[in-house]
Amino acid sequence: MRTPPRKKAGIGTGRRRLTGAVLDVAGAAELLGVTEKVIRARAARMLLPHRRWGKRLVFVKRELEDFFLTLPGCSVETAIEGVAVRQGSA
């Protein structure tokens, strides 16, 4: 079994944990209103905050929301409204 890399000085020494809602690729795609292929491509190009959990690609919902708050342009609420309009539910 492979051991995780050593933590740097000043970083906690306990077990690594993912806190908050964890989304898979399908969940992130639904949240952002794009396809799974787009999510995988953006994660591969390091355009979205993501983590590897074994071989799985996972996203922490709060990290995605915080990431979009830091981007210039529209707010998260405006983006969610845009997704709803595109999906025809608004």
PDB file of N, CA and C in Angstrom:
ATOM      1  N   MET A   1       0.828  -1.169   0.000  1.00  0.00           N
ATOM      2  CA  MET A   1       0.000   0.000   0.000  1.00  0.00           C
ATOM      3  C   MET A   1       0.882   1.246   0.000  1.00  0.00           C
ATOM      4  N   ARG A   2       0.523   2.199  -0.815  1.00  0.00           N
ATOM      5  CA  ARG A   2       1.302   3.423  -0.946  1.00  0.00           C
ATOM      6  C   ARG A   2       1.025   4.370   0.217  1.00  0.00           C
ATOM      7  N   THR A   3       2.072   4.975   0.748  1.00  0.00           N
ATOM      8  CA  THR A   3       1.887   5.925   1.839  1.00  0.00           C
ATOM      9  C   THR A   3       1.795   7.334   1.274  1.00  0.00           C
ATOM     10  N   PRO A   4       0.998   8.208   1.907  1.00  0.00           N
ATOM     11  CA  PRO A   4       0.884   9.576   1.403  1.00  0.00           C
ATOM     12  C   PRO A   4       2.177  10.343   1.622  1.00  0.00           C
ATOM     13  N   PRO A   5       2.400  11.407   0.870  1.00  0.00           N
ATOM     14  CA  PRO A   5       3.627  12.187   1.048  1.00  0.00           C
ATOM     15  C   PRO A   5       3.667  12.853   2.412  1.00  0.00           C
ATOM     16  N   ARG A   6       4.861  13.130   2.892  1.00  0.00           N
ATOM     17  CA  ARG A   6       5.018  13.790   4.186  1.00  0.00           C
ATOM     18  C   ARG A   6       4.494  15.220   4.106  1.00  0.00           C
ATOM     19  N   LYS A   7       3.925  15.660   5.213  1.00  0.00           N
ATOM     20  CA  LYS A   7       3.410  17.023   5.262  1.00  0.00           C
ATOM     21  C   LYS A   7       4.539  17.989   5.565  1.00  0.00           C
ATOM     22  N   LYS A   8       4.405  19.196   5.077  1.00  0.00           N
ATOM     23  CA  LYS A   8       5.417  20.218   5.284  1.00  0.00           C
ATOM     24  C   LYS A   8       5.332  20.769   6.701  1.00  0.00           C
ATOM     25  N   ALA A   9       6.393  21.394   7.140  1.00  0.00           N
ATOM     26  CA  ALA A   9       6.443  21.980   8.477  1.00  0.00           C
ATOM     27  C   ALA A   9       5.338  23.022   8.630  1.00  0.00           C
ATOM     28  N   GLY A  10       4.666  22.994   9.781  1.00  0.00           N
ATOM     29  CA  GLY A  10       3.611  23.959  10.053  1.00  0.00           C
ATOM     30  C   GLY A  10       2.233  23.507   9.624  1.00  0.00           C
ATOM     31  N   ILE A  11       2.141  22.397   8.913  1.00  0.00           N
ATOM     32  CA  ILE A  11       0.855  21.862   8.481  1.00  0.00           C
ATOM     33  C   ILE A  11       0.452  20.775   9.460  1.00  0.00           C
ATOM     34  N   GLY A  12      -0.842  20.654   9.740  1.00  0.00           N
ATOM     35  CA  GLY A  12      -1.338  19.656  10.684  1.00  0.00           C
ATOM     36  C   GLY A  12      -0.834  18.265  10.377  1.00  0.00           C
ATOM     37  N   THR A  13      -0.720  17.447  11.414  1.00  0.00           N
ATOM     38  CA  THR A  13      -0.168  16.107  11.225  1.00  0.00           C
ATOM     39  C   THR A  13      -1.217  15.015  11.337  1.00  0.00           C
ATOM     40  N   GLY A  14      -2.493  15.375  11.493  1.00  0.00           N
ATOM     41  CA  GLY A  14      -3.542  14.366  11.591  1.00  0.00           C
ATOM     42  C   GLY A  14      -3.894  13.779  10.234  1.00  0.00           C
ATOM     43  N   ARG A  15      -4.919  12.937  10.235  1.00  0.00           N
ATOM     44  CA  ARG A  15      -5.379  12.338   8.983  1.00  0.00           C
ATOM     45  C   ARG A  15      -5.913  13.417   8.054  1.00  0.00           C
ATOM     46  N   ARG A  16      -5.748  13.210   6.776  1.00  0.00           N
ATOM     47  CA  ARG A  16      -6.282  14.157   5.796  1.00  0.00           C
ATOM     48  C   ARG A  16      -7.771  13.900   5.653  1.00  0.00           C
ATOM     49  N   ARG A  17      -8.528  14.991   5.619  1.00  0.00           N
ATOM     50  CA  ARG A  17      -9.978  14.868   5.519  1.00  0.00           C
ATOM     51  C   ARG A  17     -10.517  15.839   4.477  1.00  0.00           C
ATOM     52  N   LEU A  18     -11.609  15.448   3.873  1.00  0.00           N
ATOM     53  CA  LEU A  18     -12.353  16.343   3.004  1.00  0.00           C
ATOM     54  C   LEU A  18     -13.568  16.789   3.801  1.00  0.00           C
ATOM     55  N   THR A  19     -13.624  18.058   4.138  1.00  0.00           N
ATOM     56  CA  THR A  19     -14.754  18.550   4.917  1.00  0.00           C
ATOM     57  C   THR A  19     -15.721  19.268   4.000  1.00  0.00           C
ATOM     58  N   GLY A  20     -16.986  19.043   4.219  1.00  0.00           N
ATOM     59  CA  GLY A  20     -18.021  19.653   3.397  1.00  0.00           C
ATOM     60  C   GLY A  20     -18.591  18.654   2.413  1.00  0.00           C
ATOM     61  N   ALA A  21     -19.488  19.141   1.577  1.00  0.00           N
ATOM     62  CA  ALA A  21     -20.132  18.290   0.582  1.00  0.00           C
ATOM     63  C   ALA A  21     -19.133  17.959  -0.521  1.00  0.00           C
ATOM     64  N   VAL A  22     -18.959  16.684  -0.787  1.00  0.00           N
ATOM     65  CA  VAL A  22     -18.042  16.231  -1.827  1.00  0.00           C
ATOM     66  C   VAL A  22     -18.864  15.845  -3.050  1.00  0.00           C
ATOM     67  N   LEU A  23     -18.487  16.397  -4.193  1.00  0.00           N
ATOM     68  CA  LEU A  23     -19.199  16.127  -5.439  1.00  0.00           C
ATOM     69  C   LEU A  23     -18.326  15.304  -6.369  1.00  0.00           C
ATOM     70  N   ASP A  24     -18.958  14.394  -7.092  1.00  0.00           N
ATOM     71  CA  ASP A  24     -18.234  13.696  -8.147  1.00  0.00           C
ATOM     72  C   ASP A  24     -18.336  14.539  -9.415  1.00  0.00           C
ATOM     73  N   VAL A  25     -17.854  14.022 -10.520  1.00  0.00           N
ATOM     74  CA  VAL A  25     -17.858  14.780 -11.773  1.00  0.00           C
ATOM     75  C   VAL A  25     -19.287  15.114 -12.197  1.00  0.00           C
ATOM     76  N   ALA A  26     -20.199  14.164 -12.068  1.00  0.00           N
ATOM     77  CA  ALA A  26     -21.588  14.408 -12.454  1.00  0.00           C
ATOM     78  C   ALA A  26     -22.219  15.500 -11.584  1.00  0.00           C
ATOM     79  N   GLY A  27     -21.939  15.470 -10.284  1.00  0.00           N
ATOM     80  CA  GLY A  27     -22.477  16.482  -9.383  1.00  0.00           C
ATOM     81  C   GLY A  27     -21.935  17.870  -9.672  1.00  0.00           C
ATOM     82  N   ALA A  28     -20.654  17.956  -9.966  1.00  0.00           N
ATOM     83  CA  ALA A  28     -20.044  19.251 -10.313  1.00  0.00           C
ATOM     84  C   ALA A  28     -20.602  19.765 -11.634  1.00  0.00           C
ATOM     85  N   ALA A  29     -20.808  18.866 -12.582  1.00  0.00           N
ATOM     86  CA  ALA A  29     -21.370  19.265 -13.876  1.00  0.00           C
ATOM     87  C   ALA A  29     -22.779  19.807 -13.697  1.00  0.00           C
ATOM     88  N   GLU A  30     -23.564  19.163 -12.863  1.00  0.00           N
ATOM     89  CA  GLU A  30     -24.934  19.625 -12.604  1.00  0.00           C
ATOM     90  C   GLU A  30     -24.915  20.978 -11.898  1.00  0.00           C
ATOM     91  N   LEU A  31     -24.031  21.138 -10.926  1.00  0.00           N
ATOM     92  CA  LEU A  31     -23.930  22.398 -10.193  1.00  0.00           C
ATOM     93  C   LEU A  31     -23.553  23.541 -11.120  1.00  0.00           C
ATOM     94  N   LEU A  32     -22.638  23.299 -12.048  1.00  0.00           N
ATOM     95  CA  LEU A  32     -22.144  24.353 -12.928  1.00  0.00           C
ATOM     96  C   LEU A  32     -22.918  24.469 -14.236  1.00  0.00           C
ATOM     97  N   GLY A  33     -23.778  23.496 -14.507  1.00  0.00           N
ATOM     98  CA  GLY A  33     -24.589  23.559 -15.719  1.00  0.00           C
ATOM     99  C   GLY A  33     -23.833  23.272 -16.997  1.00  0.00           C
ATOM    100  N   VAL A  34     -22.828  22.412 -16.910  1.00  0.00           N
ATOM    101  CA  VAL A  34     -22.054  22.018 -18.087  1.00  0.00           C
ATOM    102  C   VAL A  34     -21.998  20.492 -18.141  1.00  0.00           C
ATOM    103  N   THR A  35     -21.368  19.968 -19.178  1.00  0.00           N
ATOM    104  CA  THR A  35     -21.274  18.519 -19.307  1.00  0.00           C
ATOM    105  C   THR A  35     -20.118  17.971 -18.467  1.00  0.00           C
ATOM    106  N   GLU A  36     -20.148  16.671 -18.241  1.00  0.00           N
ATOM    107  CA  GLU A  36     -19.071  16.013 -17.505  1.00  0.00           C
ATOM    108  C   GLU A  36     -17.742  16.135 -18.255  1.00  0.00           C
ATOM    109  N   LYS A  37     -17.807  16.118 -19.573  1.00  0.00           N
ATOM    110  CA  LYS A  37     -16.595  16.246 -20.382  1.00  0.00           C
ATOM    111  C   LYS A  37     -15.922  17.595 -20.140  1.00  0.00           C
ATOM    112  N   VAL A  38     -16.715  18.641 -20.022  1.00  0.00           N
ATOM    113  CA  VAL A  38     -16.180  19.979 -19.755  1.00  0.00           C
ATOM    114  C   VAL A  38     -15.516  20.016 -18.380  1.00  0.00           C
ATOM    115  N   ILE A  39     -16.162  19.407 -17.391  1.00  0.00           N
ATOM    116  CA  ILE A  39     -15.610  19.374 -16.029  1.00  0.00           C
ATOM    117  C   ILE A  39     -14.266  18.656 -16.028  1.00  0.00           C
ATOM    118  N   ARG A  40     -14.203  17.493 -16.667  1.00  0.00           N
ATOM    119  CA  ARG A  40     -12.945  16.743 -16.709  1.00  0.00           C
ATOM    120  C   ARG A  40     -11.840  17.532 -17.427  1.00  0.00           C
ATOM    121  N   ALA A  41     -12.197  18.203 -18.523  1.00  0.00           N
ATOM    122  CA  ALA A  41     -11.206  18.976 -19.282  1.00  0.00           C
ATOM    123  C   ALA A  41     -10.693  20.153 -18.455  1.00  0.00           C
ATOM    124  N   ARG A  42     -11.589  20.846 -17.774  1.00  0.00           N
ATOM    125  CA  ARG A  42     -11.165  22.006 -16.967  1.00  0.00           C
ATOM    126  C   ARG A  42     -10.338  21.576 -15.763  1.00  0.00           C
ATOM    127  N   ALA A  43     -10.671  20.448 -15.187  1.00  0.00           N
ATOM    128  CA  ALA A  43      -9.882  19.937 -14.062  1.00  0.00           C
ATOM    129  C   ALA A  43      -8.491  19.514 -14.552  1.00  0.00           C
ATOM    130  N   ALA A  44      -8.422  18.894 -15.721  1.00  0.00           N
ATOM    131  CA  ALA A  44      -7.134  18.463 -16.272  1.00  0.00           C
ATOM    132  C   ALA A  44      -6.234  19.660 -16.572  1.00  0.00           C
ATOM    133  N   ARG A  45      -6.841  20.774 -16.971  1.00  0.00           N
ATOM    134  CA  ARG A  45      -6.059  21.991 -17.253  1.00  0.00           C
ATOM    135  C   ARG A  45      -5.879  22.852 -16.006  1.00  0.00           C
ATOM    136  N   MET A  46      -6.288  22.329 -14.850  1.00  0.00           N
ATOM    137  CA  MET A  46      -6.166  23.021 -13.559  1.00  0.00           C
ATOM    138  C   MET A  46      -6.962  24.330 -13.526  1.00  0.00           C
ATOM    139  N   LEU A  47      -8.102  24.358 -14.196  1.00  0.00           N
ATOM    140  CA  LEU A  47      -8.952  25.547 -14.199  1.00  0.00           C
ATOM    141  C   LEU A  47     -10.025  25.486 -13.120  1.00  0.00           C
ATOM    142  N   LEU A  48     -10.206  24.327 -12.519  1.00  0.00           N
ATOM    143  CA  LEU A  48     -11.173  24.152 -11.428  1.00  0.00           C
ATOM    144  C   LEU A  48     -10.469  23.537 -10.224  1.00  0.00           C
ATOM    145  N   PRO A  49     -10.826  23.989  -9.015  1.00  0.00           N
ATOM    146  CA  PRO A  49     -10.244  23.345  -7.827  1.00  0.00           C
ATOM    147  C   PRO A  49     -10.819  21.938  -7.674  1.00  0.00           C
ATOM    148  N   HIS A  50      -9.958  20.956  -7.583  1.00  0.00           N
ATOM    149  CA  HIS A  50     -10.401  19.571  -7.487  1.00  0.00           C
ATOM    150  C   HIS A  50      -9.393  18.777  -6.666  1.00  0.00           C
ATOM    151  N   ARG A  51      -9.763  17.549  -6.376  1.00  0.00           N
ATOM    152  CA  ARG A  51      -8.876  16.642  -5.640  1.00  0.00           C
ATOM    153  C   ARG A  51      -8.961  15.264  -6.274  1.00  0.00           C
ATOM    154  N   ARG A  52      -7.935  14.499  -6.053  1.00  0.00           N
ATOM    155  CA  ARG A  52      -7.951  13.091  -6.459  1.00  0.00           C
ATOM    156  C   ARG A  52      -8.173  12.264  -5.212  1.00  0.00           C
ATOM    157  N   TRP A  53      -9.153  11.411  -5.253  1.00  0.00           N
ATOM    158  CA  TRP A  53      -9.461  10.519  -4.149  1.00  0.00           C
ATOM    159  C   TRP A  53      -9.275   9.116  -4.715  1.00  0.00           C
ATOM    160  N   GLY A  54      -8.072   8.596  -4.561  1.00  0.00           N
ATOM    161  CA  GLY A  54      -7.711   7.369  -5.266  1.00  0.00           C
ATOM    162  C   GLY A  54      -7.618   7.704  -6.735  1.00  0.00           C
ATOM    163  N   LYS A  55      -8.386   7.008  -7.544  1.00  0.00           N
ATOM    164  CA  LYS A  55      -8.416   7.311  -8.978  1.00  0.00           C
ATOM    165  C   LYS A  55      -9.573   8.235  -9.330  1.00  0.00           C
ATOM    166  N   ARG A  56     -10.403   8.564  -8.341  1.00  0.00           N
ATOM    167  CA  ARG A  56     -11.572   9.394  -8.606  1.00  0.00           C
ATOM    168  C   ARG A  56     -11.236  10.875  -8.571  1.00  0.00           C
ATOM    169  N   LEU A  57     -11.956  11.611  -9.378  1.00  0.00           N
ATOM    170  CA  LEU A  57     -11.857  13.059  -9.405  1.00  0.00           C
ATOM    171  C   LEU A  57     -13.027  13.591  -8.588  1.00  0.00           C
ATOM    172  N   VAL A  58     -12.745  14.329  -7.519  1.00  0.00           N
ATOM    173  CA  VAL A  58     -13.813  14.845  -6.662  1.00  0.00           C
ATOM    174  C   VAL A  58     -13.640  16.353  -6.469  1.00  0.00           C
ATOM    175  N   PHE A  59     -14.735  16.983  -6.122  1.00  0.00           N
ATOM    176  CA  PHE A  59     -14.775  18.417  -5.908  1.00  0.00           C
ATOM    177  C   PHE A  59     -15.453  18.686  -4.575  1.00  0.00           C
ATOM    178  N   VAL A  60     -14.912  19.627  -3.812  1.00  0.00           N
ATOM    179  CA  VAL A  60     -15.554  20.060  -2.578  1.00  0.00           C
ATOM    180  C   VAL A  60     -16.435  21.248  -2.966  1.00  0.00           C
ATOM    181  N   LYS A  61     -17.734  21.119  -2.687  1.00  0.00           N
ATOM    182  CA  LYS A  61     -18.704  22.111  -3.136  1.00  0.00           C
ATOM    183  C   LYS A  61     -18.314  23.516  -2.676  1.00  0.00           C
ATOM    184  N   ARG A  62     -17.915  23.654  -1.427  1.00  0.00           N
ATOM    185  CA  ARG A  62     -17.560  24.972  -0.885  1.00  0.00           C
ATOM    186  C   ARG A  62     -16.354  25.568  -1.629  1.00  0.00           C
ATOM    187  N   GLU A  63     -15.387  24.728  -2.003  1.00  0.00           N
ATOM    188  CA  GLU A  63     -14.222  25.213  -2.746  1.00  0.00           C
ATOM    189  C   GLU A  63     -14.625  25.719  -4.130  1.00  0.00           C
ATOM    190  N   LEU A  64     -15.559  25.028  -4.778  1.00  0.00           N
ATOM    191  CA  LEU A  64     -16.043  25.482  -6.084  1.00  0.00           C
ATOM    192  C   LEU A  64     -16.752  26.825  -5.948  1.00  0.00           C
ATOM    193  N   GLU A  65     -17.605  26.948  -4.924  1.00  0.00           N
ATOM    194  CA  GLU A  65     -18.334  28.199  -4.718  1.00  0.00           C
ATOM    195  C   GLU A  65     -17.376  29.342  -4.414  1.00  0.00           C
ATOM    196  N   ASP A  66     -16.393  29.101  -3.544  1.00  0.00           N
ATOM    197  CA  ASP A  66     -15.406  30.131  -3.220  1.00  0.00           C
ATOM    198  C   ASP A  66     -14.595  30.522  -4.450  1.00  0.00           C
ATOM    199  N   PHE A  67     -14.252  29.538  -5.273  1.00  0.00           N
ATOM    200  CA  PHE A  67     -13.494  29.800  -6.493  1.00  0.00           C
ATOM    201  C   PHE A  67     -14.268  30.741  -7.404  1.00  0.00           C
ATOM    202  N   PHE A  68     -15.565  30.506  -7.552  1.00  0.00           N
ATOM    203  CA  PHE A  68     -16.364  31.347  -8.440  1.00  0.00           C
ATOM    204  C   PHE A  68     -16.613  32.727  -7.857  1.00  0.00           C
ATOM    205  N   LEU A  69     -16.576  32.850  -6.532  1.00  0.00           N
ATOM    206  CA  LEU A  69     -16.706  34.175  -5.921  1.00  0.00           C
ATOM    207  C   LEU A  69     -15.494  35.055  -6.222  1.00  0.00           C
ATOM    208  N   THR A  70     -14.334  34.437  -6.415  1.00  0.00           N
ATOM    209  CA  THR A  70     -13.119  35.211  -6.671  1.00  0.00           C
ATOM    210  C   THR A  70     -12.958  35.602  -8.143  1.00  0.00           C
ATOM    211  N   LEU A  71     -13.725  34.994  -9.033  1.00  0.00           N
ATOM    212  CA  LEU A  71     -13.613  35.313 -10.454  1.00  0.00           C
ATOM    213  C   LEU A  71     -14.288  36.639 -10.771  1.00  0.00           C
ATOM    214  N   PRO A  72     -13.722  37.410 -11.683  1.00  0.00           N
ATOM    215  CA  PRO A  72     -14.404  38.643 -12.099  1.00  0.00           C
ATOM    216  C   PRO A  72     -15.624  38.289 -12.944  1.00  0.00           C
ATOM    217  N   GLY A  73     -16.617  39.112 -12.892  1.00  0.00           N
ATOM    218  CA  GLY A  73     -17.815  38.861 -13.694  1.00  0.00           C
ATOM    219  C   GLY A  73     -19.040  38.735 -12.821  1.00  0.00           C
ATOM    220  N   CYS A  74     -19.910  37.818 -13.149  1.00  0.00           N
ATOM    221  CA  CYS A  74     -21.182  37.697 -12.451  1.00  0.00           C
ATOM    222  C   CYS A  74     -21.032  36.964 -11.115  1.00  0.00           C
ATOM    223  N   SER A  75     -22.049  37.100 -10.274  1.00  0.00           N
ATOM    224  CA  SER A  75     -22.053  36.441  -8.968  1.00  0.00           C
ATOM    225  C   SER A  75     -22.517  34.997  -9.113  1.00  0.00           C
ATOM    226  N   VAL A  76     -22.378  34.233  -8.046  1.00  0.00           N
ATOM    227  CA  VAL A  76     -22.818  32.840  -8.053  1.00  0.00           C
ATOM    228  C   VAL A  76     -24.322  32.769  -8.290  1.00  0.00           C
ATOM    229  N   GLU A  77     -25.062  33.666  -7.657  1.00  0.00           N
ATOM    230  CA  GLU A  77     -26.518  33.670  -7.821  1.00  0.00           C
ATOM    231  C   GLU A  77     -26.909  33.923  -9.282  1.00  0.00           C
ATOM    232  N   THR A  78     -26.216  34.860  -9.917  1.00  0.00           N
ATOM    233  CA  THR A  78     -26.480  35.155 -11.325  1.00  0.00           C
ATOM    234  C   THR A  78     -26.138  33.951 -12.200  1.00  0.00           C
ATOM    235  N   ALA A  79     -25.050  33.288 -11.896  1.00  0.00           N
ATOM    236  CA  ALA A  79     -24.660  32.106 -12.664  1.00  0.00           C
ATOM    237  C   ALA A  79     -25.679  30.988 -12.503  1.00  0.00           C
ATOM    238  N   ILE A  80     -26.166  30.778 -11.275  1.00  0.00           N
ATOM    239  CA  ILE A  80     -27.175  29.735 -11.035  1.00  0.00           C
ATOM    240  C   ILE A  80     -28.472  30.073 -11.768  1.00  0.00           C
ATOM    241  N   GLU A  81     -28.847  31.349 -11.784  1.00  0.00           N
ATOM    242  CA  GLU A  81     -30.036  31.766 -12.539  1.00  0.00           C
ATOM    243  C   GLU A  81     -29.835  31.495 -14.027  1.00  0.00           C
ATOM    244  N   GLY A  82     -28.627  31.752 -14.536  1.00  0.00           N
ATOM    245  CA  GLY A  82     -28.331  31.491 -15.939  1.00  0.00           C
ATOM    246  C   GLY A  82     -28.438  30.018 -16.281  1.00  0.00           C
ATOM    247  N   VAL A  83     -27.975  29.160 -15.372  1.00  0.00           N
ATOM    248  CA  VAL A  83     -28.095  27.713 -15.575  1.00  0.00           C
ATOM    249  C   VAL A  83     -29.560  27.320 -15.614  1.00  0.00           C
ATOM    250  N   ALA A  84     -30.355  27.875 -14.700  1.00  0.00           N
ATOM    251  CA  ALA A  84     -31.787  27.555 -14.663  1.00  0.00           C
ATOM    252  C   ALA A  84     -32.460  27.992 -15.952  1.00  0.00           C
ATOM    253  N   VAL A  85     -32.092  29.137 -16.466  1.00  0.00           N
ATOM    254  CA  VAL A  85     -32.680  29.621 -17.716  1.00  0.00           C
ATOM    255  C   VAL A  85     -32.307  28.714 -18.868  1.00  0.00           C
ATOM    256  N   ARG A  86     -31.006  28.298 -18.912  1.00  0.00           N
ATOM    257  CA  ARG A  86     -30.570  27.416 -19.979  1.00  0.00           C
ATOM    258  C   ARG A  86     -31.266  26.068 -19.936  1.00  0.00           C
ATOM    259  N   GLN A  87     -31.557  25.596 -18.719  1.00  0.00           N
ATOM    260  CA  GLN A  87     -32.205  24.296 -18.580  1.00  0.00           C
ATOM    261  C   GLN A  87     -33.722  24.407 -18.711  1.00  0.00           C
ATOM    262  N   GLY A  88     -34.249  25.621 -18.817  1.00  0.00           N
ATOM    263  CA  GLY A  88     -35.674  25.819 -19.023  1.00  0.00           C
ATOM    264  C   GLY A  88     -36.507  25.710 -17.769  1.00  0.00           C
ATOM    265  N   SER A  89     -35.893  25.791 -16.587  1.00  0.00           N
ATOM    266  CA  SER A  89     -36.654  25.646 -15.350  1.00  0.00           C
ATOM    267  C   SER A  89     -36.978  26.994 -14.721  1.00  0.00           C
ATOM    268  N   ALA A  90     -36.658  28.084 -15.383  1.00  0.00           N
ATOM    269  CA  ALA A  90     -36.958  29.395 -14.803  1.00  0.00           C
ATOM    270  C   ALA A  90     -37.991  30.116 -15.634  1.00  0.00           C
TER     271      ALA A  90
END
